[in-house]
Amino acid sequence: GDCKIANSIRNKVHSFDLVALSPLVTVCDMAKV
């Protein structure tokens, strides 16, 4: 979604969704990341 996890923790986060609401999102099918 809106990358709340990636924006809230220090860890490296790979953010996936069907549409990018943020530049942090990699657009893809969740069955093929």
PDB file of all heavy atoms in Angstrom:
ATOM      1  N   GLY A   1       0.818  -1.218   0.000  1.00  0.00           N
ATOM      2  CA  GLY A   1       0.000   0.000   0.000  1.00  0.00           C
ATOM      3  C   GLY A   1       0.842   1.254   0.000  1.00  0.00           C
ATOM      4  O   GLY A   1       1.610   1.510  -0.919  1.00  0.00           O
ATOM      5  N   ASP A   2       0.752   2.023   1.088  1.00  0.00           N
ATOM      6  CA  ASP A   2       1.461   3.299   1.171  1.00  0.00           C
ATOM      7  C   ASP A   2       2.839   3.189   1.838  1.00  0.00           C
ATOM      8  O   ASP A   2       3.418   4.187   2.249  1.00  0.00           O
ATOM      9  CB  ASP A   2       0.604   4.333   1.895  1.00  0.00           C
ATOM     10  CG  ASP A   2       0.265   3.935   3.326  1.00  0.00           C
ATOM     11  OD1 ASP A   2       0.728   2.876   3.799  1.00  0.00           O
ATOM     12  OD2 ASP A   2      -0.483   4.688   3.978  1.00  0.00           O
ATOM     13  N   CYS A   3       3.365   1.993   1.953  1.00  0.00           N
ATOM     14  CA  CYS A   3       4.724   1.736   2.482  1.00  0.00           C
ATOM     15  C   CYS A   3       4.891   2.147   3.939  1.00  0.00           C
ATOM     16  O   CYS A   3       5.974   2.593   4.337  1.00  0.00           O
ATOM     17  CB  CYS A   3       5.786   2.409   1.617  1.00  0.00           C
ATOM     18  SG  CYS A   3       5.849   1.801  -0.066  1.00  0.00           S
ATOM     19  N   LYS A   4       3.865   1.994   4.723  1.00  0.00           N
ATOM     20  CA  LYS A   4       3.957   2.383   6.135  1.00  0.00           C
ATOM     21  C   LYS A   4       5.080   1.628   6.852  1.00  0.00           C
ATOM     22  O   LYS A   4       5.799   2.204   7.669  1.00  0.00           O
ATOM     23  CB  LYS A   4       2.627   2.153   6.843  1.00  0.00           C
ATOM     24  CG  LYS A   4       2.576   2.813   8.217  1.00  0.00           C
ATOM     25  CD  LYS A   4       1.206   2.800   8.821  1.00  0.00           C
ATOM     26  CE  LYS A   4       0.169   3.557   8.094  1.00  0.00           C
ATOM     27  NZ  LYS A   4       0.262   4.983   7.971  1.00  0.00           N
ATOM     28  N   ILE A   5       5.255   0.351   6.527  1.00  0.00           N
ATOM     29  CA  ILE A   5       6.323  -0.421   7.182  1.00  0.00           C
ATOM     30  C   ILE A   5       7.688   0.122   6.769  1.00  0.00           C
ATOM     31  O   ILE A   5       8.525   0.422   7.624  1.00  0.00           O
ATOM     32  CB  ILE A   5       6.179  -1.924   6.883  1.00  0.00           C
ATOM     33  CG1 ILE A   5       4.919  -2.474   7.565  1.00  0.00           C
ATOM     34  CG2 ILE A   5       7.416  -2.693   7.348  1.00  0.00           C
ATOM     35  CD1 ILE A   5       4.575  -3.914   7.214  1.00  0.00           C
ATOM     36  N   ALA A   6       7.924   0.269   5.472  1.00  0.00           N
ATOM     37  CA  ALA A   6       9.222   0.762   4.991  1.00  0.00           C
ATOM     38  C   ALA A   6       9.544   2.139   5.548  1.00  0.00           C
ATOM     39  O   ALA A   6      10.713   2.441   5.818  1.00  0.00           O
ATOM     40  CB  ALA A   6       9.229   0.800   3.463  1.00  0.00           C
ATOM     41  N   ASN A   7       8.524   2.963   5.740  1.00  0.00           N
ATOM     42  CA  ASN A   7       8.744   4.316   6.251  1.00  0.00           C
ATOM     43  C   ASN A   7       8.832   4.384   7.771  1.00  0.00           C
ATOM     44  O   ASN A   7       9.069   5.461   8.316  1.00  0.00           O
ATOM     45  CB  ASN A   7       7.624   5.243   5.766  1.00  0.00           C
ATOM     46  CG  ASN A   7       7.738   5.549   4.294  1.00  0.00           C
ATOM     47  OD1 ASN A   7       8.816   5.799   3.784  1.00  0.00           O
ATOM     48  ND2 ASN A   7       6.605   5.515   3.593  1.00  0.00           N
ATOM     49  N   SER A   8       8.658   3.244   8.452  1.00  0.00           N
ATOM     50  CA  SER A   8       8.587   3.267   9.912  1.00  0.00           C
ATOM     51  C   SER A   8       9.690   2.490  10.618  1.00  0.00           C
ATOM     52  O   SER A   8       9.785   2.554  11.841  1.00  0.00           O
ATOM     53  CB  SER A   8       7.240   2.689  10.367  1.00  0.00           C
ATOM     54  OG  SER A   8       6.175   3.441   9.846  1.00  0.00           O
ATOM     55  N   ILE A   9      10.493   1.738   9.869  1.00  0.00           N
ATOM     56  CA  ILE A   9      11.532   0.930  10.510  1.00  0.00           C
ATOM     57  C   ILE A   9      12.877   1.181   9.835  1.00  0.00           C
ATOM     58  O   ILE A   9      12.943   1.720   8.740  1.00  0.00           O
ATOM     59  CB  ILE A   9      11.177  -0.579  10.500  1.00  0.00           C
ATOM     60  CG1 ILE A   9      11.081  -1.130   9.075  1.00  0.00           C
ATOM     61  CG2 ILE A   9       9.882  -0.829  11.267  1.00  0.00           C
ATOM     62  CD1 ILE A   9      10.869  -2.641   8.997  1.00  0.00           C
ATOM     63  N   ARG A  10      13.942   0.760  10.514  1.00  0.00           N
ATOM     64  CA  ARG A  10      15.307   0.960  10.004  1.00  0.00           C
ATOM     65  C   ARG A  10      15.732  -0.129   9.030  1.00  0.00           C
ATOM     66  O   ARG A  10      16.679   0.042   8.284  1.00  0.00           O
ATOM     67  CB  ARG A  10      16.301   0.982  11.177  1.00  0.00           C
ATOM     68  CG  ARG A  10      16.066   2.129  12.144  1.00  0.00           C
ATOM     69  CD  ARG A  10      16.934   1.988  13.377  1.00  0.00           C
ATOM     70  NE  ARG A  10      16.506   0.780  14.105  1.00  0.00           N
ATOM     71  CZ  ARG A  10      17.279   0.035  14.859  1.00  0.00           C
ATOM     72  NH1 ARG A  10      18.533   0.349  15.026  1.00  0.00           N
ATOM     73  NH2 ARG A  10      16.830  -1.035  15.465  1.00  0.00           N
ATOM     74  N   ASN A  11      15.056  -1.249   9.041  1.00  0.00           N
ATOM     75  CA  ASN A  11      15.427  -2.407   8.231  1.00  0.00           C
ATOM     76  C   ASN A  11      15.320  -2.120   6.743  1.00  0.00           C
ATOM     77  O   ASN A  11      14.580  -1.232   6.329  1.00  0.00           O
ATOM     78  CB  ASN A  11      14.508  -3.596   8.555  1.00  0.00           C
ATOM     79  CG  ASN A  11      14.452  -3.895  10.017  1.00  0.00           C
ATOM     80  OD1 ASN A  11      13.987  -3.083  10.807  1.00  0.00           O
ATOM     81  ND2 ASN A  11      14.903  -5.065  10.408  1.00  0.00           N
ATOM     82  N   LYS A  12      16.011  -2.930   5.961  1.00  0.00           N
ATOM     83  CA  LYS A  12      15.818  -2.934   4.509  1.00  0.00           C
ATOM     84  C   LYS A  12      14.451  -3.574   4.266  1.00  0.00           C
ATOM     85  O   LYS A  12      14.175  -4.670   4.751  1.00  0.00           O
ATOM     86  CB  LYS A  12      16.930  -3.753   3.838  1.00  0.00           C
ATOM     87  CG  LYS A  12      16.674  -4.097   2.398  1.00  0.00           C
ATOM     88  CD  LYS A  12      16.740  -2.888   1.507  1.00  0.00           C
ATOM     89  CE  LYS A  12      16.553  -3.283   0.056  1.00  0.00           C
ATOM     90  NZ  LYS A  12      16.194  -2.172  -0.777  1.00  0.00           N
ATOM     91  N   VAL A  13      13.576  -2.870   3.548  1.00  0.00           N
ATOM     92  CA  VAL A  13      12.236  -3.380   3.259  1.00  0.00           C
ATOM     93  C   VAL A  13      12.015  -3.377   1.750  1.00  0.00           C
ATOM     94  O   VAL A  13      12.187  -2.342   1.094  1.00  0.00           O
ATOM     95  CB  VAL A  13      11.134  -2.529   3.948  1.00  0.00           C
ATOM     96  CG1 VAL A  13       9.749  -3.064   3.613  1.00  0.00           C
ATOM     97  CG2 VAL A  13      11.337  -2.495   5.462  1.00  0.00           C
ATOM     98  N   HIS A  14      11.642  -4.518   1.226  1.00  0.00           N
ATOM     99  CA  HIS A  14      11.219  -4.641  -0.165  1.00  0.00           C
ATOM    100  C   HIS A  14       9.701  -4.493  -0.159  1.00  0.00           C
ATOM    101  O   HIS A  14       8.997  -5.324   0.423  1.00  0.00           O
ATOM    102  CB  HIS A  14      11.609  -6.006  -0.747  1.00  0.00           C
ATOM    103  CG  HIS A  14      13.074  -6.250  -0.766  1.00  0.00           C
ATOM    104  ND1 HIS A  14      13.902  -5.716  -1.728  1.00  0.00           N
ATOM    105  CD2 HIS A  14      13.863  -6.969   0.066  1.00  0.00           C
ATOM    106  CE1 HIS A  14      15.143  -6.111  -1.491  1.00  0.00           C
ATOM    107  NE2 HIS A  14      15.146  -6.869  -0.406  1.00  0.00           N
ATOM    108  N   SER A  15       9.201  -3.445  -0.773  1.00  0.00           N
ATOM    109  CA  SER A  15       7.770  -3.128  -0.755  1.00  0.00           C
ATOM    110  C   SER A  15       7.155  -3.480  -2.111  1.00  0.00           C
ATOM    111  O   SER A  15       7.574  -2.937  -3.132  1.00  0.00           O
ATOM    112  CB  SER A  15       7.569  -1.640  -0.464  1.00  0.00           C
ATOM    113  OG  SER A  15       8.139  -1.304   0.788  1.00  0.00           O
ATOM    114  N   PHE A  16       6.155  -4.368  -2.086  1.00  0.00           N
ATOM    115  CA  PHE A  16       5.522  -4.828  -3.319  1.00  0.00           C
ATOM    116  C   PHE A  16       4.036  -4.525  -3.316  1.00  0.00           C
ATOM    117  O   PHE A  16       3.360  -4.695  -2.305  1.00  0.00           O
ATOM    118  CB  PHE A  16       5.700  -6.346  -3.487  1.00  0.00           C
ATOM    119  CG  PHE A  16       7.132  -6.780  -3.497  1.00  0.00           C
ATOM    120  CD1 PHE A  16       7.655  -7.487  -2.434  1.00  0.00           C
ATOM    121  CD2 PHE A  16       7.955  -6.467  -4.559  1.00  0.00           C
ATOM    122  CE1 PHE A  16       8.984  -7.887  -2.435  1.00  0.00           C
ATOM    123  CE2 PHE A  16       9.289  -6.856  -4.575  1.00  0.00           C
ATOM    124  CZ  PHE A  16       9.807  -7.575  -3.508  1.00  0.00           C
ATOM    125  N   ASP A  17       3.530  -4.092  -4.471  1.00  0.00           N
ATOM    126  CA  ASP A  17       2.084  -3.920  -4.642  1.00  0.00           C
ATOM    127  C   ASP A  17       1.768  -3.894  -6.128  1.00  0.00           C
ATOM    128  O   ASP A  17       2.671  -3.860  -6.963  1.00  0.00           O
ATOM    129  CB  ASP A  17       1.576  -2.657  -3.943  1.00  0.00           C
ATOM    130  CG  ASP A  17       0.183  -2.871  -3.336  1.00  0.00           C
ATOM    131  OD1 ASP A  17      -0.646  -3.564  -3.976  1.00  0.00           O
ATOM    132  OD2 ASP A  17      -0.074  -2.354  -2.242  1.00  0.00           O
ATOM    133  N   LEU A  18       0.484  -3.876  -6.422  1.00  0.00           N
ATOM    134  CA  LEU A  18       0.026  -3.902  -7.817  1.00  0.00           C
ATOM    135  C   LEU A  18       0.168  -2.553  -8.511  1.00  0.00           C
ATOM    136  O   LEU A  18       0.218  -2.475  -9.736  1.00  0.00           O
ATOM    137  CB  LEU A  18      -1.426  -4.365  -7.879  1.00  0.00           C
ATOM    138  CG  LEU A  18      -1.670  -5.802  -7.402  1.00  0.00           C
ATOM    139  CD1 LEU A  18      -3.153  -6.081  -7.296  1.00  0.00           C
ATOM    140  CD2 LEU A  18      -0.986  -6.791  -8.323  1.00  0.00           C
ATOM    141  N   VAL A  19       0.214  -1.480  -7.717  1.00  0.00           N
ATOM    142  CA  VAL A  19       0.367  -0.116  -8.216  1.00  0.00           C
ATOM    143  C   VAL A  19       1.265   0.617  -7.225  1.00  0.00           C
ATOM    144  O   VAL A  19       1.216   0.354  -6.023  1.00  0.00           O
ATOM    145  CB  VAL A  19      -1.002   0.596  -8.340  1.00  0.00           C
ATOM    146  CG1 VAL A  19      -0.842   2.055  -8.731  1.00  0.00           C
ATOM    147  CG2 VAL A  19      -1.901  -0.121  -9.343  1.00  0.00           C
ATOM    148  N   ALA A  20       2.069   1.529  -7.709  1.00  0.00           N
ATOM    149  CA  ALA A  20       2.978   2.268  -6.829  1.00  0.00           C
ATOM    150  C   ALA A  20       2.313   3.523  -6.299  1.00  0.00           C
ATOM    151  O   ALA A  20       2.051   4.459  -7.039  1.00  0.00           O
ATOM    152  CB  ALA A  20       4.247   2.641  -7.580  1.00  0.00           C
ATOM    153  N   LEU A  21       2.032   3.533  -4.984  1.00  0.00           N
ATOM    154  CA  LEU A  21       1.586   4.748  -4.309  1.00  0.00           C
ATOM    155  C   LEU A  21       2.779   5.539  -3.792  1.00  0.00           C
ATOM    156  O   LEU A  21       2.618   6.632  -3.293  1.00  0.00           O
ATOM    157  CB  LEU A  21       0.667   4.403  -3.129  1.00  0.00           C
ATOM    158  CG  LEU A  21      -0.707   3.829  -3.458  1.00  0.00           C
ATOM    159  CD1 LEU A  21      -1.467   3.516  -2.175  1.00  0.00           C
ATOM    160  CD2 LEU A  21      -1.501   4.781  -4.322  1.00  0.00           C
ATOM    161  N   SER A  22       3.959   4.942  -3.902  1.00  0.00           N
ATOM    162  CA  SER A  22       5.189   5.544  -3.401  1.00  0.00           C
ATOM    163  C   SER A  22       6.331   5.100  -4.308  1.00  0.00           C
ATOM    164  O   SER A  22       6.279   4.009  -4.888  1.00  0.00           O
ATOM    165  CB  SER A  22       5.441   5.046  -1.971  1.00  0.00           C
ATOM    166  OG  SER A  22       6.796   5.176  -1.614  1.00  0.00           O
ATOM    167  N   PRO A  23       7.386   5.908  -4.403  1.00  0.00           N
ATOM    168  CA  PRO A  23       8.559   5.484  -5.185  1.00  0.00           C
ATOM    169  C   PRO A  23       9.243   4.242  -4.595  1.00  0.00           C
ATOM    170  O   PRO A  23      10.032   3.593  -5.268  1.00  0.00           O
ATOM    171  CB  PRO A  23       9.495   6.690  -5.121  1.00  0.00           C
ATOM    172  CG  PRO A  23       8.688   7.828  -4.636  1.00  0.00           C
ATOM    173  CD  PRO A  23       7.506   7.276  -3.908  1.00  0.00           C
ATOM    174  N   LEU A  24       8.924   3.893  -3.350  1.00  0.00           N
ATOM    175  CA  LEU A  24       9.523   2.721  -2.714  1.00  0.00           C
ATOM    176  C   LEU A  24       8.914   1.410  -3.205  1.00  0.00           C
ATOM    177  O   LEU A  24       9.457   0.334  -2.964  1.00  0.00           O
ATOM    178  CB  LEU A  24       9.345   2.804  -1.193  1.00  0.00           C
ATOM    179  CG  LEU A  24       9.990   3.990  -0.485  1.00  0.00           C
ATOM    180  CD1 LEU A  24       9.628   3.990   0.999  1.00  0.00           C
ATOM    181  CD2 LEU A  24      11.496   3.966  -0.678  1.00  0.00           C
ATOM    182  N   VAL A  25       7.778   1.478  -3.884  1.00  0.00           N
ATOM    183  CA  VAL A  25       7.039   0.279  -4.293  1.00  0.00           C
ATOM    184  C   VAL A  25       7.609  -0.314  -5.571  1.00  0.00           C
ATOM    185  O   VAL A  25       7.858   0.394  -6.545  1.00  0.00           O
ATOM    186  CB  VAL A  25       5.545   0.605  -4.506  1.00  0.00           C
ATOM    187  CG1 VAL A  25       4.786  -0.612  -5.032  1.00  0.00           C
ATOM    188  CG2 VAL A  25       4.911   1.104  -3.213  1.00  0.00           C
ATOM    189  N   THR A  26       7.783  -1.624  -5.538  1.00  0.00           N
ATOM    190  CA  THR A  26       8.062  -2.384  -6.755  1.00  0.00           C
ATOM    191  C   THR A  26       6.723  -2.949  -7.210  1.00  0.00           C
ATOM    192  O   THR A  26       6.078  -3.696  -6.474  1.00  0.00           O
ATOM    193  CB  THR A  26       9.059  -3.533  -6.480  1.00  0.00           C
ATOM    194  OG1 THR A  26      10.282  -2.972  -6.016  1.00  0.00           O
ATOM    195  CG2 THR A  26       9.286  -4.367  -7.723  1.00  0.00           C
ATOM    196  N   VAL A  27       6.305  -2.567  -8.400  1.00  0.00           N
ATOM    197  CA  VAL A  27       5.024  -3.017  -8.939  1.00  0.00           C
ATOM    198  C   VAL A  27       5.194  -4.425  -9.486  1.00  0.00           C
ATOM    199  O   VAL A  27       6.074  -4.675 -10.316  1.00  0.00           O
ATOM    200  CB  VAL A  27       4.518  -2.066 -10.045  1.00  0.00           C
ATOM    201  CG1 VAL A  27       3.250  -2.606 -10.689  1.00  0.00           C
ATOM    202  CG2 VAL A  27       4.291  -0.671  -9.471  1.00  0.00           C
ATOM    203  N   CYS A  28       4.380  -5.353  -8.985  1.00  0.00           N
ATOM    204  CA  CYS A  28       4.441  -6.733  -9.456  1.00  0.00           C
ATOM    205  C   CYS A  28       3.252  -7.521  -8.934  1.00  0.00           C
ATOM    206  O   CYS A  28       2.511  -7.062  -8.065  1.00  0.00           O
ATOM    207  CB  CYS A  28       5.747  -7.406  -9.014  1.00  0.00           C
ATOM    208  SG  CYS A  28       5.921  -7.577  -7.229  1.00  0.00           S
ATOM    209  N   ASP A  29       3.107  -8.702  -9.456  1.00  0.00           N
ATOM    210  CA  ASP A  29       2.139  -9.686  -8.996  1.00  0.00           C
ATOM    211  C   ASP A  29       2.728 -10.314  -7.726  1.00  0.00           C
ATOM    212  O   ASP A  29       3.901 -10.713  -7.725  1.00  0.00           O
ATOM    213  CB  ASP A  29       1.961 -10.714 -10.118  1.00  0.00           C
ATOM    214  CG  ASP A  29       1.051 -11.864  -9.773  1.00  0.00           C
ATOM    215  OD1 ASP A  29       0.645 -12.015  -8.610  1.00  0.00           O
ATOM    216  OD2 ASP A  29       0.738 -12.630 -10.700  1.00  0.00           O
ATOM    217  N   MET A  30       1.948 -10.430  -6.672  1.00  0.00           N
ATOM    218  CA  MET A  30       2.462 -10.978  -5.413  1.00  0.00           C
ATOM    219  C   MET A  30       2.882 -12.444  -5.544  1.00  0.00           C
ATOM    220  O   MET A  30       3.598 -12.963  -4.692  1.00  0.00           O
ATOM    221  CB  MET A  30       1.426 -10.856  -4.290  1.00  0.00           C
ATOM    222  CG  MET A  30       1.028  -9.438  -3.920  1.00  0.00           C
ATOM    223  SD  MET A  30       2.377  -8.299  -3.656  1.00  0.00           S
ATOM    224  CE  MET A  30       2.241  -7.308  -5.120  1.00  0.00           C
ATOM    225  N   ALA A  31       2.451 -13.110  -6.600  1.00  0.00           N
ATOM    226  CA  ALA A  31       2.834 -14.505  -6.833  1.00  0.00           C
ATOM    227  C   ALA A  31       4.171 -14.608  -7.566  1.00  0.00           C
ATOM    228  O   ALA A  31       4.687 -15.711  -7.762  1.00  0.00           O
ATOM    229  CB  ALA A  31       1.743 -15.230  -7.619  1.00  0.00           C
ATOM    230  N   LYS A  32       4.736 -13.456  -7.946  1.00  0.00           N
ATOM    231  CA  LYS A  32       6.003 -13.454  -8.694  1.00  0.00           C
ATOM    232  C   LYS A  32       6.794 -12.197  -8.351  1.00  0.00           C
ATOM    233  O   LYS A  32       6.925 -11.293  -9.170  1.00  0.00           O
ATOM    234  CB  LYS A  32       5.731 -13.494 -10.198  1.00  0.00           C
ATOM    235  CG  LYS A  32       5.086 -14.769 -10.669  1.00  0.00           C
ATOM    236  CD  LYS A  32       4.892 -14.752 -12.171  1.00  0.00           C
ATOM    237  CE  LYS A  32       4.321 -16.051 -12.627  1.00  0.00           C
ATOM    238  NZ  LYS A  32       2.906 -16.008 -12.876  1.00  0.00           N
ATOM    239  N   VAL A  33       7.327 -12.151  -7.137  1.00  0.00           N
ATOM    240  CA  VAL A  33       8.094 -10.971  -6.750  1.00  0.00           C
ATOM    241  C   VAL A  33       9.541 -11.119  -7.218  1.00  0.00           C
ATOM    242  O   VAL A  33      10.076 -12.226  -7.270  1.00  0.00           O
ATOM    243  CB  VAL A  33       8.029 -10.709  -5.219  1.00  0.00           C
ATOM    244  CG1 VAL A  33       6.600 -10.434  -4.771  1.00  0.00           C
ATOM    245  CG2 VAL A  33       8.644 -11.830  -4.429  1.00  0.00           C
TER     246      VAL A  33
END
